[in-house]
């Protein structure tokens, strides 16, 4: 009889874990047949010569030294390189890796919460909400968001290790904590808020604060691995903060590095383009919208356009909502500490991506909720049973509500996943879900163009220009279509418009150089290829094309030099290797006596 509780304790976690895995697989099973998306997947994989080179000494050095894609996340680059070693350019493999990371994140979230609280079913419900919510589809189904699911794995591991550290503090456990946290920062800087979350967990459920609620540490008092020589009430806020100092130092260093990376690529919006008050207003709206979409996940899109200005009533309403919830949870933090912890988790972990430092032109993004929503899930999981109190049928009501919510989320997620099948389905869905979305029209046009549907692509590009006449990407794309149609002179006009709006536009320089080369104007072609290389020093294709231009001019030494540079950047570049051999042969044919000398 005494063994029965232990058997159940061992059985239930395994059962919950299996159900979580099955739920995720049901939702994400189709992604193995999905394509790469023409929105960042090219930057991260398909057109990234370093990732396509696999894991080599050169590519590993690049991963740790580059600010490519406006970020410093070397472990994410290495994970994509490993995928290339395994799958080459088969997108299904990359998608499966993301799904496996999502499964691991879900399981470690469940294990960590259960370890901290001892509330197995509530912890399982939080993990289920995390696993099945449609807002998280973007992070899992988008190959370029590998950094999201990969960094979160280290977040969950760091939390789990933290529990073991405070059970029996030791130098090696703290060192393991630091290593795991450092790896997470090198996968994505989103982890910079984790030290503050650990402080929240110290308050509840770990009960390490001297003023923590009595029930916060009931689990540890019953846990046989807890070192009872360490008093739960011996901690002070100063001591707990001091314990996090090494983690905070790493967060600060990572934040500085990330800001430098984003500024190097001109990704950070200036105050002239977007005022501070506009950013604050958008932050309030975004906080509220994320909550709304958590409860009612409809009209989800890969890109939400920045409106520029929000109605005053909407900003005031969002601000009032946030202030009211904050006041309520702080007032009740003694009786319901999980509400304060969950709410501050949500508010705090969104700070790096809420738009006060605006990166890109999006107003908000579903992927930004991957970690923050855990805080709201905790509030729901522990709050609803408290609301029901001592109702006679409380258990049955909770079971029915939980089943309804989780099944509904699964259905919504299954529908949302289908929009990620390819670029056309994704951006058509975004066009239908948002208004005045110039960038989405542009991306839809490119997705159509990649399927050789150029006439339909032109329609989308013109719609994009009507909404945003100063978008250099659209003019570059229009020029590319005109080049495909053999209208090089008209294409050059469009490329020049793009360069007037964005002089440091490497791809536009490359495209206009190709147009000039087609017209036989090799001088202009060489100039623009050189500009593309100056802006983007690892532009292997530009080196190859510049070498081709020099070869056409009979300057074989410069041609050979540029082909060699292309091969240094991308050793498996077959076209550059072929052109190098041809240039050497042509040089030998043109100067047959040079070798003899």
Protein backbone atom coordinates (compact mmCIF):
# COMPACT_ATOMS: atom_id res chain seq x y z
CA UNK A 1 0.00 0.00 0.00
CA UNK A 2 2.83 2.37 0.73
CA UNK A 3 4.30 1.95 -2.75
CA UNK A 4 1.14 3.06 -4.59
CA UNK A 5 1.71 6.85 -4.32
CA UNK A 6 5.27 6.48 -5.58
CA UNK A 7 4.09 4.40 -8.55
CA UNK A 8 1.52 7.05 -9.36
CA UNK A 9 4.06 9.81 -8.96
CA UNK A 10 6.25 8.03 -11.51
CA UNK A 11 3.38 7.19 -13.83
CA UNK A 12 1.67 10.56 -14.16
CA UNK A 13 4.71 12.58 -15.34
CA UNK A 14 5.39 9.98 -18.04
CA UNK A 15 1.75 10.02 -19.11
CA UNK A 16 1.64 13.82 -19.24
CA UNK A 17 4.91 13.92 -21.17
CA UNK A 18 3.61 11.44 -23.75
CA UNK A 19 0.37 13.37 -24.18
CA UNK A 20 2.33 16.59 -24.72
CA UNK A 21 4.50 14.94 -27.36
CA UNK A 22 1.49 13.46 -29.16
CA UNK A 23 -0.30 16.82 -29.16
CA UNK A 24 2.71 18.59 -30.70
CA UNK A 25 3.18 15.90 -33.34
CA UNK A 26 -0.48 16.08 -34.37
CA UNK A 27 -0.18 19.84 -34.93
CA UNK A 28 3.22 19.96 -36.58
CA UNK A 29 3.32 16.68 -38.51
CA UNK A 30 2.65 18.41 -41.88
CA UNK A 31 5.73 20.68 -41.64
CA UNK A 32 7.97 17.90 -42.98
CA UNK A 33 6.48 18.68 -46.41
CA UNK A 34 6.71 22.49 -46.13
CA UNK A 35 9.07 24.69 -48.14
CA UNK A 36 11.53 27.38 -47.16
CA UNK A 37 9.90 30.81 -46.95
CA UNK A 38 11.12 33.80 -48.97
CA UNK A 39 11.30 35.86 -45.79
CA UNK A 40 14.55 35.46 -43.84
CA UNK A 41 14.91 31.75 -44.70
CA UNK A 42 17.09 32.90 -47.59
CA UNK A 43 19.23 34.97 -45.21
CA UNK A 44 19.55 32.15 -42.71
CA UNK A 45 19.82 29.14 -45.03
CA UNK A 46 19.15 29.05 -48.76
CA UNK A 47 21.35 32.00 -49.81
CA UNK A 48 23.77 31.86 -46.88
CA UNK A 49 27.03 30.46 -48.25
CA UNK A 50 28.44 29.91 -44.75
CA UNK A 51 25.50 27.82 -43.58
CA UNK A 52 25.50 25.91 -46.87
CA UNK A 53 29.18 25.12 -46.36
CA UNK A 54 28.27 23.07 -43.30
CA UNK A 55 30.38 22.99 -40.16
CA UNK A 56 33.92 23.87 -41.12
CA UNK A 57 36.65 25.83 -39.37
CA UNK A 58 35.92 28.86 -41.56
CA UNK A 59 32.15 28.73 -41.08
CA UNK A 60 32.52 28.28 -37.30
CA UNK A 61 34.78 31.35 -37.08
CA UNK A 62 32.24 33.28 -39.16
CA UNK A 63 29.41 32.22 -36.81
CA UNK A 64 31.20 33.67 -33.78
CA UNK A 65 32.38 36.88 -35.47
CA UNK A 66 29.50 37.94 -37.72
CA UNK A 67 26.63 40.36 -37.17
CA UNK A 68 24.81 38.87 -40.14
CA UNK A 69 21.00 39.24 -39.95
CA UNK A 70 21.51 42.07 -37.42
CA UNK A 71 22.22 39.70 -34.54
CA UNK A 72 24.99 37.85 -32.77
CA UNK A 73 23.78 34.29 -32.22
CA UNK A 74 26.64 31.92 -33.11
CA UNK A 75 25.03 28.75 -31.71
CA UNK A 76 21.98 29.30 -33.91
CA UNK A 77 24.24 29.52 -36.96
CA UNK A 78 26.03 26.34 -35.90
CA UNK A 79 22.74 24.49 -35.47
CA UNK A 80 21.68 25.48 -39.00
CA UNK A 81 25.07 24.42 -40.33
CA UNK A 82 24.62 21.04 -38.67
CA UNK A 83 21.21 20.74 -40.31
CA UNK A 84 22.87 21.46 -43.65
CA UNK A 85 25.30 18.63 -43.00
CA UNK A 86 22.35 16.32 -42.36
CA UNK A 87 19.72 17.53 -44.84
CA UNK A 88 21.48 19.78 -47.37
CA UNK A 89 18.66 22.00 -48.69
CA UNK A 90 15.78 19.67 -47.82
CA UNK A 91 13.49 22.01 -45.82
CA UNK A 92 11.68 19.14 -44.12
CA UNK A 93 14.76 18.33 -42.04
CA UNK A 94 15.12 21.90 -40.78
CA UNK A 95 11.43 21.97 -39.88
CA UNK A 96 11.71 18.70 -37.96
CA UNK A 97 14.61 20.06 -35.94
CA UNK A 98 12.45 23.02 -34.88
CA UNK A 99 9.65 20.66 -33.87
CA UNK A 100 12.04 18.53 -31.80
CA UNK A 101 13.28 21.64 -30.00
CA UNK A 102 9.68 22.64 -29.29
CA UNK A 103 9.00 19.20 -27.83
CA UNK A 104 12.10 19.46 -25.63
CA UNK A 105 11.13 22.97 -24.49
CA UNK A 106 7.66 21.78 -23.53
CA UNK A 107 8.93 18.80 -21.56
CA UNK A 108 11.56 20.79 -19.66
CA UNK A 109 9.02 23.50 -18.87
CA UNK A 110 6.76 20.82 -17.38
CA UNK A 111 9.61 19.21 -15.43
CA UNK A 112 10.88 22.54 -14.08
CA UNK A 113 7.47 23.77 -12.96
CA UNK A 114 6.60 20.41 -11.42
CA UNK A 115 9.92 20.33 -9.60
CA UNK A 116 9.37 23.84 -8.23
CA UNK A 117 5.71 23.55 -7.28
CA UNK A 118 4.91 19.86 -6.86
CA UNK A 119 1.62 20.62 -8.67
CA UNK A 120 1.88 18.04 -11.42
CA UNK A 121 -1.45 18.69 -13.17
CA UNK A 122 -1.21 22.47 -13.05
CA UNK A 123 2.38 22.27 -14.36
CA UNK A 124 1.20 19.92 -17.10
CA UNK A 125 -1.58 22.33 -18.08
CA UNK A 126 0.88 25.24 -18.39
CA UNK A 127 3.14 23.06 -20.56
CA UNK A 128 0.14 22.03 -22.69
CA UNK A 129 -0.85 25.66 -23.28
CA UNK A 130 2.75 26.39 -24.26
CA UNK A 131 2.89 23.37 -26.58
CA UNK A 132 -0.41 23.86 -28.37
CA UNK A 133 -1.05 27.60 -28.59
CA UNK A 134 -1.42 29.04 -32.13
CA UNK A 135 0.70 32.09 -31.25
CA UNK A 136 3.67 29.73 -31.00
CA UNK A 137 3.24 28.29 -34.49
CA UNK A 138 5.40 31.04 -35.98
CA UNK A 139 8.39 30.16 -33.80
CA UNK A 140 8.15 26.46 -34.64
CA UNK A 141 7.05 26.41 -38.30
CA UNK A 142 9.49 29.11 -39.48
CA UNK A 143 13.00 27.81 -40.15
CA UNK A 144 14.50 31.28 -39.66
CA UNK A 145 13.09 31.33 -36.13
CA UNK A 146 15.38 28.49 -35.10
CA UNK A 147 16.87 30.99 -32.67
CA UNK A 148 13.54 31.13 -30.83
CA UNK A 149 13.08 27.43 -30.13
CA UNK A 150 16.82 26.77 -29.70
CA UNK A 151 17.44 29.57 -27.18
CA UNK A 152 14.30 28.61 -25.24
CA UNK A 153 15.75 25.13 -24.72
CA UNK A 154 18.59 26.73 -22.76
CA UNK A 155 16.09 28.94 -20.91
CA UNK A 156 14.23 25.85 -19.70
CA UNK A 157 17.44 24.00 -18.86
CA UNK A 158 18.72 27.00 -16.91
CA UNK A 159 15.50 27.10 -14.85
CA UNK A 160 15.72 23.37 -14.21
CA UNK A 161 19.37 23.55 -13.16
CA UNK A 162 18.57 26.54 -10.95
CA UNK A 163 16.19 24.43 -8.87
CA UNK A 164 18.92 21.85 -8.29
CA UNK A 165 21.37 24.60 -7.40
CA UNK A 166 19.18 26.11 -4.68
CA UNK A 167 18.38 22.65 -3.30
CA UNK A 168 22.07 22.04 -2.67
CA UNK A 169 24.17 25.09 -3.57
CA UNK A 170 27.63 24.31 -4.89
CA UNK A 171 30.20 25.95 -7.15
CA UNK A 172 29.94 23.33 -9.88
CA UNK A 173 26.12 23.60 -10.03
CA UNK A 174 26.36 27.36 -10.30
CA UNK A 175 29.04 26.99 -12.98
CA UNK A 176 26.71 24.67 -14.90
CA UNK A 177 23.99 27.29 -14.54
CA UNK A 178 26.28 29.97 -16.00
CA UNK A 179 27.33 27.77 -18.91
CA UNK A 180 23.75 26.90 -19.81
CA UNK A 181 22.69 30.56 -19.59
CA UNK A 182 25.65 31.62 -21.74
CA UNK A 183 24.70 29.09 -24.41
CA UNK A 184 21.17 30.47 -24.41
CA UNK A 185 22.42 34.01 -24.95
CA UNK A 186 24.54 32.75 -27.86
CA UNK A 187 21.42 31.26 -29.42
CA UNK A 188 19.28 34.41 -29.04
CA UNK A 189 19.62 37.45 -26.75
CA UNK A 190 15.99 37.05 -25.62
CA UNK A 191 17.40 35.35 -22.50
CA UNK A 192 18.70 38.64 -21.09
CA UNK A 193 15.60 38.84 -18.88
CA UNK A 194 16.06 35.37 -17.37
CA UNK A 195 17.96 36.57 -14.23
CA UNK A 196 14.94 38.72 -13.33
CA UNK A 197 12.60 35.76 -13.89
CA UNK A 198 14.73 33.69 -11.51
CA UNK A 199 14.22 36.41 -8.89
CA UNK A 200 10.48 36.16 -9.45
CA UNK A 201 10.66 32.39 -8.98
CA UNK A 202 12.57 32.97 -5.74
CA UNK A 203 9.47 34.75 -4.46
CA UNK A 204 7.06 32.11 -5.77
CA UNK A 205 7.05 29.14 -5.92
CA UNK A 206 10.51 28.70 -4.41
CA UNK A 207 9.76 30.80 -1.32
CA UNK A 208 13.31 32.11 -0.88
CA UNK A 209 12.33 35.68 -0.01
CA UNK A 210 12.04 36.48 3.69
CA UNK A 211 8.54 37.82 2.96
CA UNK A 212 7.46 35.03 0.59
CA UNK A 213 3.99 33.60 1.30
CA UNK A 214 4.02 30.64 3.67
CA UNK A 215 2.67 28.21 1.09
CA UNK A 216 5.40 29.09 -1.42
CA UNK A 217 7.98 26.77 0.07
CA UNK A 218 5.73 23.94 1.26
CA UNK A 219 7.08 21.71 -1.50
CA UNK A 220 10.70 22.19 -0.52
CA UNK A 221 9.93 21.56 3.11
CA UNK A 222 8.61 18.13 2.10
CA UNK A 223 11.30 17.43 -0.47
CA UNK A 224 13.83 14.94 0.82
CA UNK A 225 16.67 16.45 -1.23
CA UNK A 226 16.25 19.88 0.35
CA UNK A 227 19.13 20.79 2.67
CA UNK A 228 17.29 21.70 5.88
CA UNK A 229 20.43 23.32 7.28
CA UNK A 230 19.69 26.25 4.98
CA UNK A 231 16.84 28.24 6.44
CA UNK A 232 14.18 29.33 3.99
CA UNK A 233 13.96 32.61 5.84
CA UNK A 234 17.71 33.30 5.93
CA UNK A 235 17.70 34.94 2.49
CA UNK A 236 17.47 38.65 1.89
CA UNK A 237 16.68 40.52 -1.30
CA UNK A 238 20.30 41.73 -1.34
CA UNK A 239 21.65 38.20 -1.08
CA UNK A 240 19.32 36.87 -3.76
CA UNK A 241 20.21 39.74 -6.09
CA UNK A 242 23.92 39.28 -5.44
CA UNK A 243 23.52 35.64 -6.42
CA UNK A 244 22.30 36.79 -9.86
CA UNK A 245 25.12 39.30 -10.51
CA UNK A 246 27.20 37.00 -12.79
CA UNK A 247 24.06 36.28 -14.81
CA UNK A 248 23.24 39.99 -15.01
CA UNK A 249 26.75 40.79 -16.23
CA UNK A 250 26.35 38.27 -19.04
CA UNK A 251 22.96 39.80 -19.89
CA UNK A 252 24.44 43.31 -20.07
CA UNK A 253 27.32 42.19 -22.29
CA UNK A 254 24.92 40.35 -24.58
CA UNK A 255 22.61 43.38 -24.77
CA UNK A 256 25.49 45.65 -25.78
CA UNK A 257 26.64 43.16 -28.42
CA UNK A 258 23.11 42.84 -29.81
CA UNK A 259 22.64 46.60 -30.01
CA UNK A 260 25.93 46.95 -31.88
CA UNK A 261 24.89 44.20 -34.28
CA UNK A 262 21.54 45.83 -35.00
CA UNK A 263 23.05 49.28 -35.46
CA UNK A 264 25.71 47.89 -37.80
CA UNK A 265 22.99 46.82 -40.20
CA UNK A 266 20.91 49.99 -39.78
CA UNK A 267 18.12 47.81 -38.38
CA UNK A 268 17.37 50.10 -35.43
CA UNK A 269 14.82 52.81 -36.24
CA UNK A 270 15.92 56.37 -35.42
CA UNK A 271 13.85 58.76 -33.33
CA UNK A 272 13.37 60.87 -36.47
CA UNK A 273 11.64 57.95 -38.17
CA UNK A 274 9.73 56.82 -35.10
CA UNK A 275 9.36 59.09 -32.08
CA UNK A 276 9.72 57.81 -28.55
CA UNK A 277 6.06 58.56 -27.74
CA UNK A 278 4.95 56.55 -30.79
CA UNK A 279 7.02 53.64 -29.54
CA UNK A 280 5.56 53.87 -26.04
CA UNK A 281 2.02 53.98 -27.45
CA UNK A 282 2.72 50.95 -29.63
CA UNK A 283 4.18 49.11 -26.63
CA UNK A 284 0.97 49.58 -24.61
CA UNK A 285 -1.14 48.47 -27.58
CA UNK A 286 1.08 45.43 -28.20
CA UNK A 287 0.93 44.29 -24.57
CA UNK A 288 -2.87 44.38 -24.78
CA UNK A 289 -3.04 42.80 -28.24
CA UNK A 290 -0.90 39.85 -27.18
CA UNK A 291 -3.32 39.19 -24.30
CA UNK A 292 -6.28 39.45 -26.67
CA UNK A 293 -4.69 37.07 -29.17
CA UNK A 294 -3.85 34.64 -26.38
CA UNK A 295 -7.56 34.35 -25.54
CA UNK A 296 -8.84 34.76 -29.12
CA UNK A 297 -6.07 33.68 -31.55
CA UNK A 298 -7.52 34.88 -34.86
CA UNK A 299 -6.12 37.01 -37.70
CA UNK A 300 -2.57 35.87 -36.93
CA UNK A 301 -0.01 37.05 -39.49
CA UNK A 302 3.70 36.73 -40.14
CA UNK A 303 3.97 40.53 -40.28
CA UNK A 304 1.89 43.20 -38.56
CA UNK A 305 2.47 46.62 -40.16
CA UNK A 306 3.32 49.58 -37.97
CA UNK A 307 0.36 52.00 -38.16
CA UNK A 308 2.43 55.06 -37.28
CA UNK A 309 -0.19 56.52 -34.94
CA UNK A 310 -2.78 54.88 -32.72
CA UNK A 311 -6.16 56.35 -31.66
CA UNK A 312 -5.83 58.10 -28.30
CA UNK A 313 -8.71 56.11 -26.80
CA UNK A 314 -6.99 52.84 -27.73
CA UNK A 315 -3.67 53.85 -26.16
CA UNK A 316 -5.42 55.14 -23.04
CA UNK A 317 -7.50 51.97 -22.78
CA UNK A 318 -4.46 49.70 -23.10
CA UNK A 319 -2.50 51.73 -20.57
CA UNK A 320 -5.41 51.64 -18.12
CA UNK A 321 -5.78 47.87 -18.54
CA UNK A 322 -2.10 47.26 -17.82
CA UNK A 323 -2.09 49.56 -14.78
CA UNK A 324 -5.27 47.99 -13.41
CA UNK A 325 -3.99 44.43 -13.71
CA UNK A 326 -0.64 45.41 -12.20
CA UNK A 327 -2.35 47.06 -9.22
CA UNK A 328 -4.63 44.07 -8.65
CA UNK A 329 -1.89 41.43 -8.76
CA UNK A 330 0.39 43.43 -6.45
CA UNK A 331 -2.45 44.00 -4.01
CA UNK A 332 -3.18 40.28 -3.90
CA UNK A 333 0.40 39.02 -4.07
CA UNK A 334 0.33 37.69 -0.49
CA UNK A 335 -2.73 35.51 -1.01
CA UNK A 336 -2.17 34.76 -4.71
CA UNK A 337 1.58 35.14 -5.36
CA UNK A 338 1.42 33.27 -8.68
CA UNK A 339 -0.60 36.15 -10.18
CA UNK A 340 2.15 38.69 -9.47
CA UNK A 341 4.88 36.33 -10.66
CA UNK A 342 3.03 35.41 -13.86
CA UNK A 343 2.11 39.00 -14.68
CA UNK A 344 5.60 40.38 -14.05
CA UNK A 345 7.03 37.45 -16.06
CA UNK A 346 4.82 38.52 -18.98
CA UNK A 347 5.61 42.24 -18.73
CA UNK A 348 9.34 41.79 -18.13
CA UNK A 349 10.20 39.19 -20.74
CA UNK A 350 8.52 41.26 -23.48
CA UNK A 351 10.61 44.36 -22.75
CA UNK A 352 13.47 43.46 -25.17
CA UNK A 353 11.01 43.08 -28.08
CA UNK A 354 8.18 45.46 -27.18
CA UNK A 355 9.53 48.15 -29.52
CA UNK A 356 11.04 50.79 -27.25
CA UNK A 357 14.20 50.07 -29.21
CA UNK A 358 12.50 49.52 -32.56
CA UNK A 359 14.16 46.89 -34.75
CA UNK A 360 12.56 46.49 -38.16
CA UNK A 361 9.19 47.93 -39.13
CA UNK A 362 6.77 45.48 -37.50
CA UNK A 363 4.39 46.68 -34.78
CA UNK A 364 4.40 43.30 -33.04
CA UNK A 365 5.12 39.65 -33.84
CA UNK A 366 3.63 36.33 -32.76
CA UNK A 367 7.12 34.88 -32.22
CA UNK A 368 7.79 37.43 -29.47
CA UNK A 369 5.24 35.65 -27.25
CA UNK A 370 7.05 32.29 -27.18
CA UNK A 371 8.49 32.82 -23.67
CA UNK A 372 6.37 35.71 -22.28
CA UNK A 373 3.03 33.88 -22.52
CA UNK A 374 4.27 31.32 -19.98
CA UNK A 375 3.65 33.97 -17.32
CA UNK A 376 0.01 34.37 -18.36
CA UNK A 377 -0.37 30.59 -18.59
CA UNK A 378 0.79 30.30 -14.96
CA UNK A 379 -1.79 32.90 -13.91
CA UNK A 380 -4.55 30.92 -15.65
CA UNK A 381 -3.46 27.47 -14.46
CA UNK A 382 -3.29 28.44 -10.78
CA UNK A 383 -5.92 31.17 -10.87
CA UNK A 384 -8.93 29.30 -12.29
CA UNK A 385 -8.88 26.58 -9.57
CA UNK A 386 -8.70 29.36 -6.95
CA UNK A 387 -11.69 31.10 -8.52
CA UNK A 388 -13.72 27.89 -8.36
CA UNK A 389 -12.74 27.57 -4.71
CA UNK A 390 -14.53 24.73 -2.89
CA UNK A 391 -17.22 24.08 -5.47
CA UNK A 392 -18.63 20.60 -5.20
CA UNK A 393 -18.01 19.75 -8.86
CA UNK A 394 -14.78 21.71 -9.13
CA UNK A 395 -12.73 18.76 -10.41
CA UNK A 396 -15.20 17.88 -13.16
CA UNK A 397 -15.53 21.52 -14.21
CA UNK A 398 -11.75 21.90 -14.44
CA UNK A 399 -11.48 18.71 -16.47
CA UNK A 400 -14.16 19.82 -18.95
CA UNK A 401 -12.76 23.35 -19.25
CA UNK A 402 -9.20 22.11 -19.72
CA UNK A 403 -10.23 19.61 -22.38
CA UNK A 404 -12.28 22.21 -24.26
CA UNK A 405 -9.48 24.80 -24.17
CA UNK A 406 -6.71 22.42 -25.24
CA UNK A 407 -8.74 20.83 -28.05
CA UNK A 408 -9.75 24.28 -29.32
CA UNK A 409 -6.12 25.42 -29.29
CA UNK A 410 -5.06 22.31 -31.18
CA UNK A 411 -7.65 22.94 -33.89
CA UNK A 412 -6.63 26.58 -34.24
CA UNK A 413 -2.94 25.62 -34.38
CA UNK A 414 -3.54 22.94 -37.01
CA UNK A 415 -5.27 25.55 -39.18
CA UNK A 416 -2.54 28.12 -38.54
CA UNK A 417 0.23 25.65 -39.40
CA UNK A 418 -1.24 25.13 -42.88
CA UNK A 419 -0.57 28.77 -43.76
CA UNK A 420 3.16 28.07 -43.44
CA UNK A 421 3.22 25.50 -46.25
CA UNK A 422 4.97 27.90 -48.64
CA UNK A 423 5.50 31.58 -49.27
CA UNK A 424 2.33 32.04 -51.30
CA UNK A 425 0.04 30.51 -48.67
CA UNK A 426 1.81 32.37 -45.84
CA UNK A 427 1.70 35.86 -47.35
CA UNK A 428 -1.76 35.44 -48.85
CA UNK A 429 -2.95 34.56 -45.34
CA UNK A 430 -1.17 37.65 -43.97
CA UNK A 431 -2.77 39.88 -46.65
CA UNK A 432 -6.19 38.52 -45.68
CA UNK A 433 -5.52 38.96 -41.95
CA UNK A 434 -4.15 42.52 -41.94
CA UNK A 435 -4.75 45.90 -43.59
CA UNK A 436 -2.43 48.21 -45.55
CA UNK A 437 0.36 45.66 -45.35
CA UNK A 438 2.86 46.83 -47.96
CA UNK A 439 5.64 44.46 -46.91
CA UNK A 440 3.35 41.45 -47.13
CA UNK A 441 2.23 42.38 -50.66
CA UNK A 442 5.91 42.66 -51.62
CA UNK A 443 6.74 39.26 -50.13
CA UNK A 444 3.71 37.69 -51.77
CA UNK A 445 4.94 39.05 -55.08
CA UNK A 446 8.35 37.48 -54.53
CA UNK A 447 6.76 34.15 -53.56
CA UNK A 448 4.76 34.21 -56.82
CA UNK A 449 7.87 35.17 -58.79
CA UNK A 450 9.76 32.18 -57.37
CA UNK A 451 6.97 30.00 -58.82
CA UNK A 452 7.45 31.68 -62.24
CA UNK A 453 4.19 33.60 -61.91
CA UNK A 454 5.73 36.96 -62.82
CA UNK A 455 2.56 38.67 -64.07
CA UNK A 456 0.78 37.95 -60.79
CA UNK A 457 3.91 39.08 -58.91
CA UNK A 458 3.83 42.44 -60.73
CA UNK A 459 0.29 43.04 -59.48
CA UNK A 460 1.37 42.48 -55.88
CA UNK A 461 4.44 44.72 -56.24
CA UNK A 462 2.30 47.57 -57.56
CA UNK A 463 -0.11 47.13 -54.65
CA UNK A 464 2.87 47.36 -52.31
CA UNK A 465 4.12 50.58 -53.95
CA UNK A 466 0.67 52.17 -53.71
CA UNK A 467 0.73 51.64 -49.95
CA UNK A 468 4.40 52.50 -49.43
CA UNK A 469 6.02 54.40 -52.35
CA UNK A 470 9.44 54.64 -50.65
CA UNK A 471 10.17 50.93 -50.20
CA UNK A 472 13.49 50.18 -52.00
CA UNK A 473 12.90 46.41 -51.90
CA UNK A 474 9.86 46.69 -54.15
CA UNK A 475 11.69 48.74 -56.79
CA UNK A 476 14.51 46.21 -56.72
CA UNK A 477 12.01 43.40 -57.26
CA UNK A 478 10.29 45.28 -60.09
CA UNK A 479 13.66 45.73 -61.75
CA UNK A 480 14.36 42.02 -61.43
CA UNK A 481 11.10 41.10 -63.19
CA UNK A 482 11.86 43.55 -66.00
CA UNK A 483 15.32 41.99 -66.35
CA UNK A 484 13.74 38.56 -66.66
CA UNK A 485 11.53 39.92 -69.44
CA UNK A 486 14.63 41.19 -71.28
CA UNK A 487 13.93 44.86 -70.55
CA UNK A 488 17.33 45.75 -69.11
CA UNK A 489 17.06 49.53 -69.63
CA UNK A 490 13.69 49.69 -67.85
CA UNK A 491 15.08 47.48 -65.11
CA UNK A 492 17.98 49.88 -64.53
CA UNK A 493 15.49 52.71 -63.93
CA UNK A 494 13.85 50.69 -61.15
CA UNK A 495 17.19 49.66 -59.63
CA UNK A 496 18.28 53.31 -59.54
CA UNK A 497 15.07 54.19 -57.66
CA UNK A 498 15.92 51.52 -55.13
CA UNK A 499 19.48 52.85 -54.74
CA UNK A 500 18.28 56.43 -54.34
CA UNK A 501 16.17 55.31 -51.40
CA UNK A 502 18.82 52.98 -49.99
CA UNK A 503 22.38 53.63 -51.28
CA UNK A 504 23.84 50.76 -49.21
CA UNK A 505 21.66 48.16 -50.91
CA UNK A 506 24.03 45.37 -51.93
CA UNK A 507 21.43 43.30 -53.80
CA UNK A 508 20.28 46.30 -55.86
CA UNK A 509 23.91 47.07 -56.80
CA UNK A 510 24.31 43.43 -57.81
CA UNK A 511 21.16 43.44 -59.92
CA UNK A 512 21.89 46.72 -61.69
CA UNK A 513 25.41 45.45 -62.43
CA UNK A 514 23.90 42.35 -64.03
CA UNK A 515 21.63 44.56 -66.17
CA UNK A 516 24.58 46.68 -67.29
CA UNK A 517 26.55 43.52 -68.04
CA UNK A 518 23.68 42.27 -70.20
CA UNK A 519 23.82 45.55 -72.16
CA UNK A 520 27.59 45.19 -72.60
CA UNK A 521 28.40 48.16 -70.35
CA UNK A 522 31.14 46.35 -68.42
CA UNK A 523 32.54 49.50 -66.84
CA UNK A 524 29.28 50.26 -65.01
CA UNK A 525 28.82 46.57 -64.26
CA UNK A 526 32.25 46.32 -62.63
CA UNK A 527 31.56 49.46 -60.57
CA UNK A 528 28.26 48.18 -59.15
CA UNK A 529 29.58 44.66 -58.49
CA UNK A 530 32.44 46.28 -56.58
CA UNK A 531 29.95 48.42 -54.62
CA UNK A 532 27.95 45.32 -53.71
CA UNK A 533 31.15 43.69 -52.42
CA UNK A 534 32.13 46.81 -50.48
CA UNK A 535 28.76 46.81 -48.70
CA UNK A 536 28.65 43.04 -48.28
CA UNK A 537 32.23 41.70 -48.14
CA UNK A 538 31.17 38.03 -48.11
CA UNK A 539 29.10 38.36 -51.31
CA UNK A 540 30.51 35.32 -53.11
CA UNK A 541 28.18 35.62 -56.11
CA UNK A 542 29.22 39.24 -56.66
CA UNK A 543 32.89 38.20 -56.71
CA UNK A 544 32.05 35.52 -59.26
CA UNK A 545 30.13 37.93 -61.50
CA UNK A 546 32.84 40.59 -61.19
CA UNK A 547 35.38 37.99 -62.24
CA UNK A 548 33.22 37.16 -65.24
CA UNK A 549 33.08 40.85 -66.23
CA UNK A 550 36.89 41.14 -66.02
CA UNK A 551 37.24 37.98 -68.10
CA UNK A 552 34.98 39.47 -70.78
CA UNK A 553 37.24 42.53 -70.80
CA UNK A 554 40.32 40.32 -71.17
CA UNK A 555 41.68 41.19 -67.75
CA UNK A 556 42.30 37.58 -66.74
CA UNK A 557 44.46 38.32 -63.70
CA UNK A 558 41.66 40.29 -62.01
CA UNK A 559 39.15 37.70 -63.15
CA UNK A 560 41.13 34.86 -61.59
CA UNK A 561 41.61 36.84 -58.37
CA UNK A 562 37.85 37.42 -57.98
CA UNK A 563 36.96 33.81 -58.75
CA UNK A 564 39.44 32.74 -56.09
CA UNK A 565 37.90 35.15 -53.56
CA UNK A 566 34.45 33.69 -54.29
CA UNK A 567 35.80 30.20 -53.63
CA UNK A 568 37.45 31.28 -50.37
CA UNK A 569 34.05 32.48 -49.13
CA UNK A 570 32.15 29.49 -50.54
CA UNK A 571 34.48 26.54 -51.29
CA UNK A 572 31.65 24.50 -52.85
CA UNK A 573 30.75 27.21 -55.37
CA UNK A 574 30.72 25.14 -58.58
CA UNK A 575 30.07 28.06 -60.93
CA UNK A 576 33.04 30.01 -59.56
CA UNK A 577 35.25 26.93 -59.82
CA UNK A 578 34.21 26.41 -63.45
CA UNK A 579 34.80 30.09 -64.27
CA UNK A 580 38.22 29.98 -62.62
CA UNK A 581 39.29 27.04 -64.78
CA UNK A 582 38.01 28.79 -67.91
CA UNK A 583 39.82 32.03 -67.02
CA UNK A 584 43.10 30.17 -66.47
CA UNK A 585 42.71 28.39 -69.83
CA UNK A 586 41.85 31.64 -71.61
CA UNK A 587 44.85 33.37 -70.06
CA UNK A 588 47.15 30.55 -71.16
CA UNK A 589 45.67 30.70 -74.66
CA UNK A 590 46.03 34.48 -74.86
CA UNK A 591 49.59 34.54 -73.41
CA UNK A 592 51.16 31.23 -74.38
CA UNK A 593 54.70 32.36 -73.57
CA UNK A 594 53.95 33.50 -70.01
CA UNK A 595 54.45 30.05 -68.47
CA UNK A 596 57.75 29.54 -70.25
CA UNK A 597 59.11 32.73 -68.83
